[in-house]
Amino acid sequence: MGKEWTPWGLRHSFVSLLSAHDGPIENISRLVGNTNTVVTETVYRKQIRPVVQERAIAMNDISLVDSEPLSPS
């Protein structure tokens, strides 16, 4: 049972993957049958890309050591 997809898991994964690829939240909400974006954003969408990575990129942009920002790997 642990390796099977469930409707709950499919919905969360679908919303999270489309969001991670910059899909418009309004379109995603309609696709999963939500009447507004609040439920889609607060219940179904999970952060896939680590927030730490975003903060590291921001720190590269404001680096005081180098005059040019470091590129993310």
N, C-alpha and C. Protein backbone atom coordinates (compact mmCIF):
# COMPACT_ATOMS: atom_id res chain seq x y z
N MET A 1 0.81 -1.19 0.00
CA MET A 1 0.00 0.00 0.00
C MET A 1 0.86 1.26 0.00
N GLY A 2 2.02 1.24 0.61
CA GLY A 2 2.85 2.42 0.70
C GLY A 2 3.40 2.91 -0.63
N LYS A 3 3.43 2.04 -1.63
CA LYS A 3 3.99 2.41 -2.93
C LYS A 3 2.92 2.80 -3.94
N GLU A 4 1.66 2.73 -3.58
CA GLU A 4 0.58 3.06 -4.49
C GLU A 4 0.26 4.55 -4.41
N TRP A 5 -0.14 5.12 -5.56
CA TRP A 5 -0.59 6.51 -5.57
C TRP A 5 -2.01 6.58 -5.05
N THR A 6 -2.28 7.59 -4.28
CA THR A 6 -3.64 7.83 -3.79
C THR A 6 -4.14 9.13 -4.40
N PRO A 7 -5.45 9.35 -4.45
CA PRO A 7 -5.95 10.63 -4.95
C PRO A 7 -5.36 11.81 -4.20
N TRP A 8 -5.17 11.67 -2.88
CA TRP A 8 -4.59 12.73 -2.06
C TRP A 8 -3.17 13.04 -2.54
N GLY A 9 -2.37 12.00 -2.71
CA GLY A 9 -0.99 12.19 -3.13
C GLY A 9 -0.87 12.73 -4.53
N LEU A 10 -1.72 12.25 -5.42
CA LEU A 10 -1.71 12.74 -6.80
C LEU A 10 -2.04 14.23 -6.87
N ARG A 11 -3.05 14.65 -6.11
CA ARG A 11 -3.45 16.05 -6.14
C ARG A 11 -2.34 16.94 -5.61
N HIS A 12 -1.76 16.57 -4.48
CA HIS A 12 -0.67 17.37 -3.90
C HIS A 12 0.54 17.42 -4.84
N SER A 13 0.89 16.29 -5.42
CA SER A 13 2.04 16.24 -6.33
C SER A 13 1.77 17.06 -7.59
N PHE A 14 0.58 16.93 -8.14
CA PHE A 14 0.20 17.66 -9.35
C PHE A 14 0.30 19.16 -9.13
N VAL A 15 -0.29 19.64 -8.04
CA VAL A 15 -0.27 21.07 -7.74
C VAL A 15 1.16 21.54 -7.47
N SER A 16 1.91 20.78 -6.71
CA SER A 16 3.28 21.17 -6.36
C SER A 16 4.18 21.21 -7.58
N LEU A 17 4.08 20.22 -8.45
CA LEU A 17 4.92 20.19 -9.64
C LEU A 17 4.58 21.32 -10.61
N LEU A 18 3.30 21.56 -10.84
CA LEU A 18 2.93 22.67 -11.73
C LEU A 18 3.37 24.01 -11.14
N SER A 19 3.24 24.16 -9.83
CA SER A 19 3.67 25.41 -9.18
C SER A 19 5.17 25.59 -9.28
N ALA A 20 5.92 24.51 -9.13
CA ALA A 20 7.38 24.59 -9.21
C ALA A 20 7.84 24.99 -10.60
N HIS A 21 7.01 24.72 -11.59
CA HIS A 21 7.35 25.09 -12.97
C HIS A 21 6.60 26.33 -13.41
N ASP A 22 6.27 27.17 -12.42
CA ASP A 22 5.68 28.49 -12.64
C ASP A 22 4.34 28.46 -13.37
N GLY A 23 3.56 27.42 -13.14
CA GLY A 23 2.20 27.40 -13.68
C GLY A 23 1.35 28.43 -12.93
N PRO A 24 0.51 29.18 -13.64
CA PRO A 24 -0.34 30.17 -12.97
C PRO A 24 -1.27 29.49 -11.96
N ILE A 25 -1.27 29.97 -10.74
CA ILE A 25 -2.05 29.34 -9.67
C ILE A 25 -3.54 29.31 -9.98
N GLU A 26 -4.03 30.30 -10.73
CA GLU A 26 -5.45 30.32 -11.10
C GLU A 26 -5.78 29.13 -12.00
N ASN A 27 -4.91 28.83 -12.94
CA ASN A 27 -5.12 27.69 -13.84
C ASN A 27 -5.03 26.37 -13.08
N ILE A 28 -4.05 26.28 -12.19
CA ILE A 28 -3.89 25.06 -11.40
C ILE A 28 -5.12 24.83 -10.53
N SER A 29 -5.63 25.89 -9.92
CA SER A 29 -6.83 25.77 -9.08
C SER A 29 -8.01 25.22 -9.86
N ARG A 30 -8.20 25.75 -11.06
CA ARG A 30 -9.31 25.27 -11.89
C ARG A 30 -9.11 23.81 -12.27
N LEU A 31 -7.87 23.43 -12.61
CA LEU A 31 -7.60 22.05 -13.01
C LEU A 31 -7.90 21.03 -11.92
N VAL A 32 -7.68 21.41 -10.67
CA VAL A 32 -7.94 20.47 -9.56
C VAL A 32 -9.33 20.65 -8.95
N GLY A 33 -10.12 21.56 -9.53
CA GLY A 33 -11.50 21.69 -9.10
C GLY A 33 -11.74 22.63 -7.93
N ASN A 34 -10.77 23.48 -7.60
CA ASN A 34 -10.98 24.45 -6.53
C ASN A 34 -11.62 25.71 -7.11
N THR A 35 -12.52 26.32 -6.33
CA THR A 35 -13.22 27.51 -6.82
C THR A 35 -12.38 28.77 -6.68
N ASN A 36 -11.37 28.74 -5.82
CA ASN A 36 -10.46 29.88 -5.70
C ASN A 36 -9.06 29.36 -5.40
N THR A 37 -8.10 30.27 -5.37
CA THR A 37 -6.71 29.86 -5.21
C THR A 37 -6.29 29.63 -3.76
N VAL A 38 -7.09 30.07 -2.81
CA VAL A 38 -6.69 29.99 -1.39
C VAL A 38 -6.44 28.54 -0.97
N VAL A 39 -7.37 27.66 -1.26
CA VAL A 39 -7.21 26.26 -0.87
C VAL A 39 -6.04 25.63 -1.62
N THR A 40 -5.93 25.93 -2.90
CA THR A 40 -4.83 25.37 -3.70
C THR A 40 -3.49 25.78 -3.12
N GLU A 41 -3.36 27.06 -2.75
CA GLU A 41 -2.08 27.56 -2.24
C GLU A 41 -1.78 27.09 -0.83
N THR A 42 -2.78 27.05 0.04
CA THR A 42 -2.52 26.76 1.45
C THR A 42 -2.58 25.28 1.80
N VAL A 43 -3.34 24.49 1.03
CA VAL A 43 -3.48 23.07 1.37
C VAL A 43 -2.67 22.18 0.45
N TYR A 44 -2.78 22.39 -0.84
CA TYR A 44 -2.21 21.44 -1.79
C TYR A 44 -0.80 21.76 -2.26
N ARG A 45 -0.43 23.02 -2.31
CA ARG A 45 0.89 23.36 -2.85
C ARG A 45 1.95 23.20 -1.77
N LYS A 46 2.95 22.40 -2.07
CA LYS A 46 4.09 22.18 -1.17
C LYS A 46 5.34 22.72 -1.84
N GLN A 47 6.23 23.25 -1.04
CA GLN A 47 7.50 23.78 -1.55
C GLN A 47 8.37 22.63 -1.98
N ILE A 48 8.74 22.61 -3.26
CA ILE A 48 9.62 21.55 -3.76
C ILE A 48 11.07 22.00 -3.73
N ARG A 49 11.31 23.19 -4.24
CA ARG A 49 12.67 23.72 -4.23
C ARG A 49 12.98 24.22 -2.82
N PRO A 50 14.11 23.85 -2.29
CA PRO A 50 14.42 24.28 -0.92
C PRO A 50 14.54 25.80 -0.81
N VAL A 51 13.98 26.33 0.25
CA VAL A 51 14.04 27.76 0.52
C VAL A 51 15.49 28.17 0.74
N VAL A 52 16.29 27.27 1.27
CA VAL A 52 17.70 27.57 1.53
C VAL A 52 18.41 27.96 0.23
N GLN A 53 18.09 27.27 -0.85
CA GLN A 53 18.71 27.57 -2.13
C GLN A 53 18.38 29.00 -2.56
N GLU A 54 17.14 29.40 -2.39
CA GLU A 54 16.74 30.77 -2.76
C GLU A 54 17.52 31.80 -1.94
N ARG A 55 17.70 31.52 -0.67
CA ARG A 55 18.42 32.46 0.20
C ARG A 55 19.90 32.50 -0.17
N ALA A 56 20.46 31.35 -0.54
CA ALA A 56 21.87 31.31 -0.95
C ALA A 56 22.08 32.13 -2.21
N ILE A 57 21.16 32.03 -3.16
CA ILE A 57 21.27 32.82 -4.38
C ILE A 57 21.18 34.30 -4.06
N ALA A 58 20.29 34.67 -3.14
CA ALA A 58 20.17 36.07 -2.74
C ALA A 58 21.46 36.57 -2.11
N MET A 59 22.08 35.74 -1.28
CA MET A 59 23.33 36.13 -0.66
C MET A 59 24.44 36.29 -1.70
N ASN A 60 24.44 35.45 -2.73
CA ASN A 60 25.41 35.60 -3.81
C ASN A 60 25.25 36.94 -4.50
N ASP A 61 24.01 37.36 -4.67
CA ASP A 61 23.74 38.63 -5.35
C ASP A 61 24.24 39.84 -4.56
N ILE A 62 24.28 39.73 -3.23
CA ILE A 62 24.71 40.87 -2.42
C ILE A 62 26.10 40.65 -1.82
N SER A 63 26.83 39.72 -2.37
CA SER A 63 28.16 39.38 -1.86
C SER A 63 29.06 40.61 -1.78
N LEU A 64 29.71 40.78 -0.67
CA LEU A 64 30.63 41.90 -0.48
C LEU A 64 32.06 41.53 -0.87
N VAL A 65 32.32 40.22 -1.03
CA VAL A 65 33.66 39.77 -1.34
C VAL A 65 33.97 39.95 -2.82
N ASP A 66 33.06 39.54 -3.68
CA ASP A 66 33.26 39.64 -5.13
C ASP A 66 32.40 40.76 -5.70
N SER A 67 32.87 41.35 -6.76
CA SER A 67 32.09 42.39 -7.39
C SER A 67 31.01 41.80 -8.29
N GLU A 68 31.16 40.54 -8.71
CA GLU A 68 30.16 39.88 -9.53
C GLU A 68 29.48 38.78 -8.71
N PRO A 69 28.15 38.62 -8.87
CA PRO A 69 27.46 37.54 -8.14
C PRO A 69 27.93 36.17 -8.62
N LEU A 70 27.97 35.21 -7.72
CA LEU A 70 28.32 33.85 -8.06
C LEU A 70 27.14 33.20 -8.75
N SER A 71 27.39 32.35 -9.71
CA SER A 71 26.29 31.66 -10.38
C SER A 71 25.96 30.41 -9.58
N PRO A 72 24.63 30.09 -9.46
CA PRO A 72 24.26 28.87 -8.72
C PRO A 72 24.66 27.64 -9.51
N SER A 73 25.04 26.57 -8.79
CA SER A 73 25.45 25.34 -9.49
C SER A 73 24.25 24.49 -9.79
